[in-house]
């Protein structure tokens, strides 16, 4: 196996895992929204905002891909070595796993808030604040990938 293959596996995991997490997270929020609309259809804007929030982790995976693609020399097949490839793989795995789990957990927090809003409680803003906490770890992973790229690129 060539070093570039390991790097591309890392990039693939970064994109796939963070995207899968976002898909699960927004589905969790969307399912809760459908149930809440049966009780309180007037709060659709709040449901939409909270349901969409876990979609950002997939964007972090996509943004990290562009960081490796456009900055430095990390994905150059002619110059990449095993150390650089391992760095890309590790960063990809970190961003992917952080995006996967934080999006799912964020969707669960959002779903609880959606259910409460549907029941008539005024907690959309507070739920938004609480739902941002799981996302913090996806942001940290993205920042780490950016720094890893700077170190190896």
N, C-alpha and C. Protein backbone atom coordinates (compact mmCIF):
# COMPACT_ATOMS: atom_id res chain seq x y z
N UNK A 1 0.85 -1.18 0.00
CA UNK A 1 0.00 0.00 0.00
C UNK A 1 0.90 1.24 0.00
N UNK A 2 0.50 2.20 -0.76
CA UNK A 2 1.20 3.48 -0.83
C UNK A 2 0.72 4.40 0.29
N UNK A 3 1.55 5.33 0.72
CA UNK A 3 1.12 6.25 1.78
C UNK A 3 -0.12 7.06 1.42
N UNK A 4 -0.25 7.43 0.16
CA UNK A 4 -1.40 8.25 -0.24
C UNK A 4 -2.71 7.48 -0.04
N UNK A 5 -2.65 6.16 -0.13
CA UNK A 5 -3.85 5.35 0.08
C UNK A 5 -4.35 5.48 1.52
N UNK A 6 -3.42 5.43 2.47
CA UNK A 6 -3.79 5.61 3.88
C UNK A 6 -4.39 7.00 4.11
N UNK A 7 -3.80 8.00 3.48
CA UNK A 7 -4.31 9.37 3.62
C UNK A 7 -5.72 9.48 3.06
N UNK A 8 -5.95 8.89 1.90
CA UNK A 8 -7.29 8.97 1.31
C UNK A 8 -8.32 8.17 2.10
N UNK A 9 -7.90 7.08 2.73
CA UNK A 9 -8.81 6.35 3.62
C UNK A 9 -9.23 7.26 4.78
N UNK A 10 -8.26 7.99 5.33
CA UNK A 10 -8.57 8.94 6.41
C UNK A 10 -9.53 10.02 5.97
N UNK A 11 -9.30 10.56 4.78
CA UNK A 11 -10.19 11.59 4.25
C UNK A 11 -11.58 11.01 4.01
N UNK A 12 -11.64 9.79 3.50
CA UNK A 12 -12.94 9.15 3.28
C UNK A 12 -13.69 8.93 4.57
N UNK A 13 -12.97 8.48 5.61
CA UNK A 13 -13.61 8.29 6.91
C UNK A 13 -14.11 9.61 7.48
N UNK A 14 -13.32 10.66 7.28
CA UNK A 14 -13.70 11.99 7.77
C UNK A 14 -15.03 12.43 7.14
N UNK A 15 -15.13 12.29 5.84
CA UNK A 15 -16.34 12.71 5.14
C UNK A 15 -17.52 11.78 5.46
N UNK A 16 -17.27 10.49 5.43
CA UNK A 16 -18.36 9.53 5.61
C UNK A 16 -18.92 9.54 7.03
N UNK A 17 -18.06 9.46 8.01
CA UNK A 17 -18.54 9.37 9.40
C UNK A 17 -19.23 10.65 9.85
N UNK A 18 -18.67 11.80 9.50
CA UNK A 18 -19.32 13.05 9.90
C UNK A 18 -20.64 13.22 9.15
N UNK A 19 -20.68 12.81 7.90
CA UNK A 19 -21.94 12.88 7.15
C UNK A 19 -22.99 11.93 7.68
N UNK A 20 -22.58 10.71 8.04
CA UNK A 20 -23.51 9.74 8.62
C UNK A 20 -24.06 10.27 9.95
N UNK A 21 -23.18 10.84 10.77
CA UNK A 21 -23.63 11.40 12.04
C UNK A 21 -24.65 12.50 11.83
N UNK A 22 -24.39 13.38 10.87
CA UNK A 22 -25.35 14.46 10.59
C UNK A 22 -26.67 13.90 10.09
N UNK A 23 -26.61 12.90 9.24
CA UNK A 23 -27.85 12.30 8.74
C UNK A 23 -28.68 11.71 9.88
N UNK A 24 -28.02 11.00 10.78
CA UNK A 24 -28.73 10.44 11.94
C UNK A 24 -29.25 11.56 12.84
N UNK A 25 -28.42 12.55 13.11
CA UNK A 25 -28.82 13.63 14.02
C UNK A 25 -30.01 14.41 13.52
N UNK A 26 -30.00 14.79 12.24
CA UNK A 26 -31.14 15.56 11.72
C UNK A 26 -32.38 14.68 11.61
N UNK A 27 -32.19 13.38 11.42
CA UNK A 27 -33.33 12.47 11.39
C UNK A 27 -33.97 12.36 12.77
N UNK A 28 -33.14 12.30 13.80
CA UNK A 28 -33.67 12.25 15.17
C UNK A 28 -34.49 13.51 15.45
N UNK A 29 -33.94 14.66 15.10
CA UNK A 29 -34.67 15.91 15.29
C UNK A 29 -35.91 15.99 14.41
N UNK A 30 -35.80 15.53 13.18
CA UNK A 30 -36.94 15.56 12.27
C UNK A 30 -38.07 14.67 12.75
N UNK A 31 -37.74 13.49 13.26
CA UNK A 31 -38.76 12.60 13.80
C UNK A 31 -39.49 13.24 14.98
N UNK A 32 -38.72 13.88 15.85
CA UNK A 32 -39.34 14.56 16.98
C UNK A 32 -40.22 15.71 16.51
N UNK A 33 -39.79 16.38 15.46
CA UNK A 33 -40.56 17.51 14.92
C UNK A 33 -41.91 17.05 14.39
N UNK A 34 -41.91 15.93 13.68
CA UNK A 34 -43.18 15.43 13.14
C UNK A 34 -44.16 15.12 14.27
N UNK A 35 -43.65 14.51 15.33
CA UNK A 35 -44.52 14.23 16.48
C UNK A 35 -45.00 15.50 17.16
N UNK A 36 -44.11 16.47 17.30
CA UNK A 36 -44.47 17.72 17.98
C UNK A 36 -45.46 18.55 17.16
N UNK A 37 -45.38 18.46 15.84
CA UNK A 37 -46.30 19.24 14.99
C UNK A 37 -47.74 18.76 15.14
N UNK A 38 -47.92 17.52 15.55
CA UNK A 38 -49.28 17.03 15.78
C UNK A 38 -49.94 17.76 16.93
N UNK A 39 -49.14 18.15 17.92
CA UNK A 39 -49.67 18.85 19.10
C UNK A 39 -49.65 20.36 18.92
N UNK A 40 -48.58 20.87 18.30
CA UNK A 40 -48.39 22.32 18.23
C UNK A 40 -47.76 22.69 16.89
N UNK A 41 -48.56 22.76 15.81
CA UNK A 41 -48.00 23.04 14.48
C UNK A 41 -47.49 24.47 14.30
N UNK A 42 -47.85 25.36 15.20
CA UNK A 42 -47.45 26.76 15.06
C UNK A 42 -45.97 27.01 15.38
N UNK A 43 -45.30 26.06 15.94
CA UNK A 43 -43.90 26.23 16.34
C UNK A 43 -42.93 25.60 15.33
N UNK A 44 -43.35 25.49 14.08
CA UNK A 44 -42.52 24.83 13.07
C UNK A 44 -41.14 25.47 12.93
N UNK A 45 -41.05 26.78 13.06
CA UNK A 45 -39.75 27.45 12.96
C UNK A 45 -38.77 26.98 14.02
N UNK A 46 -39.25 26.80 15.23
CA UNK A 46 -38.40 26.29 16.30
C UNK A 46 -37.99 24.85 16.03
N UNK A 47 -38.93 24.05 15.54
CA UNK A 47 -38.62 22.66 15.23
C UNK A 47 -37.55 22.58 14.13
N UNK A 48 -37.72 23.40 13.12
CA UNK A 48 -36.78 23.40 12.00
C UNK A 48 -35.38 23.79 12.46
N UNK A 49 -35.28 24.84 13.25
CA UNK A 49 -33.99 25.31 13.73
C UNK A 49 -33.28 24.22 14.53
N UNK A 50 -33.99 23.59 15.43
CA UNK A 50 -33.38 22.57 16.27
C UNK A 50 -33.07 21.29 15.49
N UNK A 51 -33.92 20.95 14.55
CA UNK A 51 -33.69 19.75 13.74
C UNK A 51 -32.47 19.88 12.83
N UNK A 52 -32.24 21.07 12.32
CA UNK A 52 -31.14 21.29 11.37
C UNK A 52 -29.77 21.37 12.04
N UNK A 53 -29.75 21.64 13.31
CA UNK A 53 -28.48 21.87 14.01
C UNK A 53 -27.47 20.74 13.85
N UNK A 54 -27.83 19.46 13.95
CA UNK A 54 -26.83 18.41 13.81
C UNK A 54 -26.25 18.28 12.40
N UNK A 55 -26.79 18.98 11.45
CA UNK A 55 -26.26 18.94 10.09
C UNK A 55 -24.91 19.60 9.94
N UNK A 56 -24.52 20.38 10.90
CA UNK A 56 -23.26 21.11 10.78
C UNK A 56 -22.03 20.19 10.89
N UNK A 57 -22.14 19.08 11.58
CA UNK A 57 -20.99 18.20 11.72
C UNK A 57 -20.56 17.64 10.37
N UNK A 58 -21.50 17.34 9.51
CA UNK A 58 -21.14 16.92 8.16
C UNK A 58 -20.40 18.01 7.41
N UNK A 59 -20.78 19.25 7.67
CA UNK A 59 -20.07 20.37 7.04
C UNK A 59 -18.65 20.50 7.56
N UNK A 60 -18.43 20.19 8.84
CA UNK A 60 -17.07 20.24 9.38
C UNK A 60 -16.19 19.19 8.71
N UNK A 61 -16.73 18.00 8.47
CA UNK A 61 -15.98 16.97 7.75
C UNK A 61 -15.64 17.42 6.34
N UNK A 62 -16.59 18.05 5.68
CA UNK A 62 -16.38 18.54 4.32
C UNK A 62 -15.35 19.68 4.32
N UNK A 63 -15.45 20.58 5.29
CA UNK A 63 -14.49 21.69 5.39
C UNK A 63 -13.08 21.18 5.68
N UNK A 64 -12.97 20.17 6.54
CA UNK A 64 -11.66 19.61 6.84
C UNK A 64 -11.05 18.96 5.60
N UNK A 65 -11.88 18.35 4.76
CA UNK A 65 -11.39 17.80 3.50
C UNK A 65 -10.74 18.90 2.66
N UNK A 66 -11.38 20.06 2.58
CA UNK A 66 -10.81 21.16 1.81
C UNK A 66 -9.55 21.72 2.45
N UNK A 67 -9.47 21.66 3.77
CA UNK A 67 -8.24 22.09 4.45
C UNK A 67 -7.07 21.23 3.96
N UNK A 68 -7.27 19.92 3.92
CA UNK A 68 -6.19 19.03 3.48
C UNK A 68 -5.96 19.13 1.98
N UNK A 69 -6.99 19.41 1.22
CA UNK A 69 -6.87 19.47 -0.22
C UNK A 69 -6.16 20.74 -0.69
N UNK A 70 -6.44 21.86 -0.04
CA UNK A 70 -5.99 23.15 -0.57
C UNK A 70 -4.83 23.80 0.17
N UNK A 71 -4.50 23.33 1.37
CA UNK A 71 -3.45 23.98 2.13
C UNK A 71 -2.32 22.99 2.38
N UNK A 72 -1.12 23.41 2.10
CA UNK A 72 0.03 22.53 2.34
C UNK A 72 0.15 21.48 1.26
N UNK A 73 0.88 20.44 1.57
CA UNK A 73 1.20 19.41 0.60
C UNK A 73 0.76 18.04 1.11
N UNK A 74 -0.20 18.01 2.02
CA UNK A 74 -0.55 16.77 2.72
C UNK A 74 -1.10 15.69 1.79
N UNK A 75 -1.80 16.07 0.72
CA UNK A 75 -2.39 15.07 -0.16
C UNK A 75 -1.70 15.03 -1.53
N UNK A 76 -0.44 15.38 -1.58
CA UNK A 76 0.31 15.31 -2.84
C UNK A 76 0.90 13.91 -2.98
N UNK A 77 0.44 13.12 -3.94
CA UNK A 77 0.90 11.74 -4.06
C UNK A 77 2.40 11.62 -4.32
N UNK A 78 3.01 12.68 -4.85
CA UNK A 78 4.43 12.61 -5.17
C UNK A 78 5.33 12.86 -3.97
N UNK A 79 4.82 13.55 -2.97
CA UNK A 79 5.68 13.93 -1.84
C UNK A 79 5.23 13.37 -0.49
N UNK A 80 4.08 12.75 -0.43
CA UNK A 80 3.58 12.30 0.86
C UNK A 80 4.36 11.08 1.34
N UNK A 81 4.70 11.11 2.61
CA UNK A 81 5.37 9.98 3.24
C UNK A 81 4.44 9.33 4.24
N UNK A 82 4.94 8.28 4.90
CA UNK A 82 4.11 7.56 5.86
C UNK A 82 3.73 8.42 7.05
N UNK A 83 4.62 9.31 7.48
CA UNK A 83 4.30 10.18 8.62
C UNK A 83 3.15 11.12 8.26
N UNK A 84 3.22 11.75 7.10
CA UNK A 84 2.15 12.65 6.67
C UNK A 84 0.85 11.89 6.45
N UNK A 85 0.95 10.71 5.83
CA UNK A 85 -0.25 9.91 5.58
C UNK A 85 -0.90 9.49 6.89
N UNK A 86 -0.09 9.14 7.87
CA UNK A 86 -0.62 8.76 9.18
C UNK A 86 -1.30 9.95 9.85
N UNK A 87 -0.74 11.14 9.67
CA UNK A 87 -1.36 12.35 10.22
C UNK A 87 -2.70 12.64 9.58
N UNK A 88 -2.78 12.50 8.26
CA UNK A 88 -4.06 12.71 7.58
C UNK A 88 -5.07 11.65 8.01
N UNK A 89 -4.64 10.40 8.10
CA UNK A 89 -5.53 9.33 8.54
C UNK A 89 -6.04 9.60 9.96
N UNK A 90 -5.14 9.94 10.87
CA UNK A 90 -5.54 10.21 12.25
C UNK A 90 -6.48 11.39 12.35
N UNK A 91 -6.18 12.45 11.61
CA UNK A 91 -7.07 13.61 11.63
C UNK A 91 -8.43 13.27 11.05
N UNK A 92 -8.42 12.48 9.98
CA UNK A 92 -9.68 12.08 9.37
C UNK A 92 -10.53 11.23 10.30
N UNK A 93 -9.87 10.32 10.98
CA UNK A 93 -10.58 9.46 11.93
C UNK A 93 -11.13 10.28 13.09
N UNK A 94 -10.33 11.23 13.58
CA UNK A 94 -10.78 12.07 14.69
C UNK A 94 -11.97 12.93 14.30
N UNK A 95 -11.88 13.60 13.16
CA UNK A 95 -12.98 14.46 12.72
C UNK A 95 -14.22 13.61 12.44
N UNK A 96 -14.02 12.46 11.81
CA UNK A 96 -15.15 11.59 11.49
C UNK A 96 -15.86 11.08 12.72
N UNK A 97 -15.11 10.56 13.67
CA UNK A 97 -15.74 10.01 14.88
C UNK A 97 -16.36 11.11 15.75
N UNK A 98 -15.66 12.23 15.88
CA UNK A 98 -16.22 13.34 16.66
C UNK A 98 -17.50 13.85 16.00
N UNK A 99 -17.49 13.95 14.68
CA UNK A 99 -18.70 14.39 13.97
C UNK A 99 -19.83 13.39 14.10
N UNK A 100 -19.50 12.11 13.98
CA UNK A 100 -20.51 11.06 14.08
C UNK A 100 -21.24 11.10 15.42
N UNK A 101 -20.47 11.01 16.49
CA UNK A 101 -21.09 10.91 17.81
C UNK A 101 -21.68 12.23 18.30
N UNK A 102 -21.02 13.34 17.98
CA UNK A 102 -21.58 14.62 18.46
C UNK A 102 -22.86 14.97 17.72
N UNK A 103 -22.98 14.61 16.45
CA UNK A 103 -24.22 14.91 15.72
C UNK A 103 -25.38 14.06 16.23
N UNK A 104 -25.11 12.80 16.51
CA UNK A 104 -26.17 11.94 17.04
C UNK A 104 -26.63 12.44 18.41
N UNK A 105 -25.68 12.74 19.26
CA UNK A 105 -26.04 13.22 20.60
C UNK A 105 -26.71 14.59 20.54
N UNK A 106 -26.26 15.43 19.63
CA UNK A 106 -26.89 16.74 19.48
C UNK A 106 -28.33 16.57 18.99
N UNK A 107 -28.55 15.63 18.10
CA UNK A 107 -29.91 15.35 17.64
C UNK A 107 -30.81 14.89 18.78
N UNK A 108 -30.25 14.14 19.72
CA UNK A 108 -31.03 13.68 20.86
C UNK A 108 -31.39 14.83 21.79
N UNK A 109 -30.45 15.73 22.01
CA UNK A 109 -30.74 16.92 22.84
C UNK A 109 -31.81 17.76 22.15
N UNK A 110 -31.64 17.97 20.84
CA UNK A 110 -32.61 18.77 20.10
C UNK A 110 -33.99 18.13 20.12
N UNK A 111 -34.04 16.80 20.01
CA UNK A 111 -35.33 16.10 20.01
C UNK A 111 -36.07 16.30 21.33
N UNK A 112 -35.34 16.28 22.42
CA UNK A 112 -35.98 16.51 23.72
C UNK A 112 -36.53 17.93 23.80
N UNK A 113 -35.77 18.88 23.29
CA UNK A 113 -36.26 20.26 23.27
C UNK A 113 -37.46 20.43 22.36
N UNK A 114 -37.44 19.75 21.22
CA UNK A 114 -38.57 19.81 20.28
C UNK A 114 -39.83 19.26 20.94
N UNK A 115 -39.68 18.15 21.65
CA UNK A 115 -40.84 17.58 22.35
C UNK A 115 -41.37 18.55 23.39
N UNK A 116 -40.49 19.23 24.10
CA UNK A 116 -40.92 20.19 25.12
C UNK A 116 -41.61 21.39 24.49
N UNK A 117 -41.07 21.89 23.37
CA UNK A 117 -41.71 23.01 22.67
C UNK A 117 -43.08 22.58 22.17
N UNK A 118 -43.16 21.37 21.64
CA UNK A 118 -44.44 20.85 21.17
C UNK A 118 -45.46 20.73 22.29
N UNK A 119 -44.98 20.47 23.50
CA UNK A 119 -45.88 20.36 24.66
C UNK A 119 -46.27 21.73 25.22
N UNK A 120 -45.74 22.80 24.64
CA UNK A 120 -46.14 24.13 25.06
C UNK A 120 -45.15 24.89 25.91
N UNK A 121 -44.00 24.30 26.17
CA UNK A 121 -42.99 24.99 26.98
C UNK A 121 -42.14 25.89 26.09
N UNK A 122 -41.75 27.03 26.62
CA UNK A 122 -40.95 28.00 25.88
C UNK A 122 -39.46 27.73 26.13
N UNK A 123 -38.93 26.68 25.51
CA UNK A 123 -37.55 26.27 25.77
C UNK A 123 -36.71 26.17 24.51
N UNK A 124 -37.17 26.71 23.39
CA UNK A 124 -36.42 26.58 22.14
C UNK A 124 -35.04 27.22 22.24
N UNK A 125 -34.96 28.43 22.75
CA UNK A 125 -33.67 29.11 22.87
C UNK A 125 -32.72 28.40 23.83
N UNK A 126 -33.26 27.96 24.94
CA UNK A 126 -32.44 27.25 25.93
C UNK A 126 -31.97 25.90 25.37
N UNK A 127 -32.85 25.24 24.62
CA UNK A 127 -32.46 23.97 24.00
C UNK A 127 -31.35 24.21 22.98
N UNK A 128 -31.45 25.28 22.23
CA UNK A 128 -30.41 25.61 21.26
C UNK A 128 -29.06 25.76 21.94
N UNK A 129 -29.04 26.44 23.06
CA UNK A 129 -27.79 26.63 23.81
C UNK A 129 -27.26 25.28 24.29
N UNK A 130 -28.11 24.45 24.85
CA UNK A 130 -27.68 23.14 25.35
C UNK A 130 -27.23 22.23 24.21
N UNK A 131 -27.88 22.33 23.06
CA UNK A 131 -27.53 21.47 21.93
C UNK A 131 -26.19 21.84 21.30
N UNK A 132 -25.71 23.03 21.57
CA UNK A 132 -24.42 23.44 21.02
C UNK A 132 -23.26 22.72 21.73
N UNK A 133 -23.46 22.30 22.95
CA UNK A 133 -22.37 21.67 23.70
C UNK A 133 -21.80 20.43 23.03
N UNK A 134 -22.61 19.47 22.54
CA UNK A 134 -22.01 18.33 21.85
C UNK A 134 -21.25 18.74 20.59
N UNK A 135 -21.71 19.80 19.95
CA UNK A 135 -21.06 20.27 18.72
C UNK A 135 -19.66 20.81 18.99
N UNK A 136 -19.43 21.28 20.17
CA UNK A 136 -18.13 21.82 20.51
C UNK A 136 -17.01 20.83 20.20
N UNK A 137 -17.28 19.55 20.42
CA UNK A 137 -16.24 18.55 20.22
C UNK A 137 -15.96 18.30 18.74
N UNK A 138 -16.95 18.47 17.90
CA UNK A 138 -16.71 18.41 16.46
C UNK A 138 -15.88 19.61 16.02
N UNK A 139 -16.13 20.76 16.62
CA UNK A 139 -15.34 21.96 16.29
C UNK A 139 -13.90 21.78 16.74
N UNK A 140 -13.70 21.21 17.92
CA UNK A 140 -12.34 20.95 18.41
C UNK A 140 -11.62 19.99 17.48
N UNK A 141 -12.29 18.95 17.03
CA UNK A 141 -11.67 18.00 16.10
C UNK A 141 -11.31 18.67 14.78
N UNK A 142 -12.20 19.54 14.28
CA UNK A 142 -11.89 20.28 13.05
C UNK A 142 -10.67 21.17 13.25
N UNK A 143 -10.60 21.86 14.38
CA UNK A 143 -9.44 22.72 14.67
C UNK A 143 -8.16 21.89 14.76
N UNK A 144 -8.26 20.71 15.37
CA UNK A 144 -7.09 19.83 15.46
C UNK A 144 -6.65 19.37 14.07
N UNK A 145 -7.60 19.06 13.21
CA UNK A 145 -7.25 18.66 11.84
C UNK A 145 -6.53 19.80 11.11
N UNK A 146 -7.01 21.01 11.33
CA UNK A 146 -6.37 22.18 10.73
C UNK A 146 -4.93 22.30 11.22
N UNK A 147 -4.72 22.09 12.51
CA UNK A 147 -3.36 22.19 13.07
C UNK A 147 -2.49 21.02 12.62
N UNK A 148 -3.05 19.84 12.51
CA UNK A 148 -2.29 18.69 12.01
C UNK A 148 -1.86 18.95 10.57
N UNK A 149 -2.74 19.47 9.78
CA UNK A 149 -2.39 19.78 8.38
C UNK A 149 -1.25 20.79 8.33
N UNK A 150 -1.28 21.77 9.21
CA UNK A 150 -0.21 22.76 9.24
C UNK A 150 1.13 22.14 9.65
N UNK A 151 1.08 21.13 10.50
CA UNK A 151 2.29 20.48 10.96
C UNK A 151 2.89 19.53 9.93
N UNK A 152 2.05 18.92 9.11
CA UNK A 152 2.56 17.92 8.17
C UNK A 152 2.62 18.43 6.74
N UNK A 153 1.90 19.53 6.44
CA UNK A 153 1.80 20.00 5.07
C UNK A 153 2.99 20.70 4.53
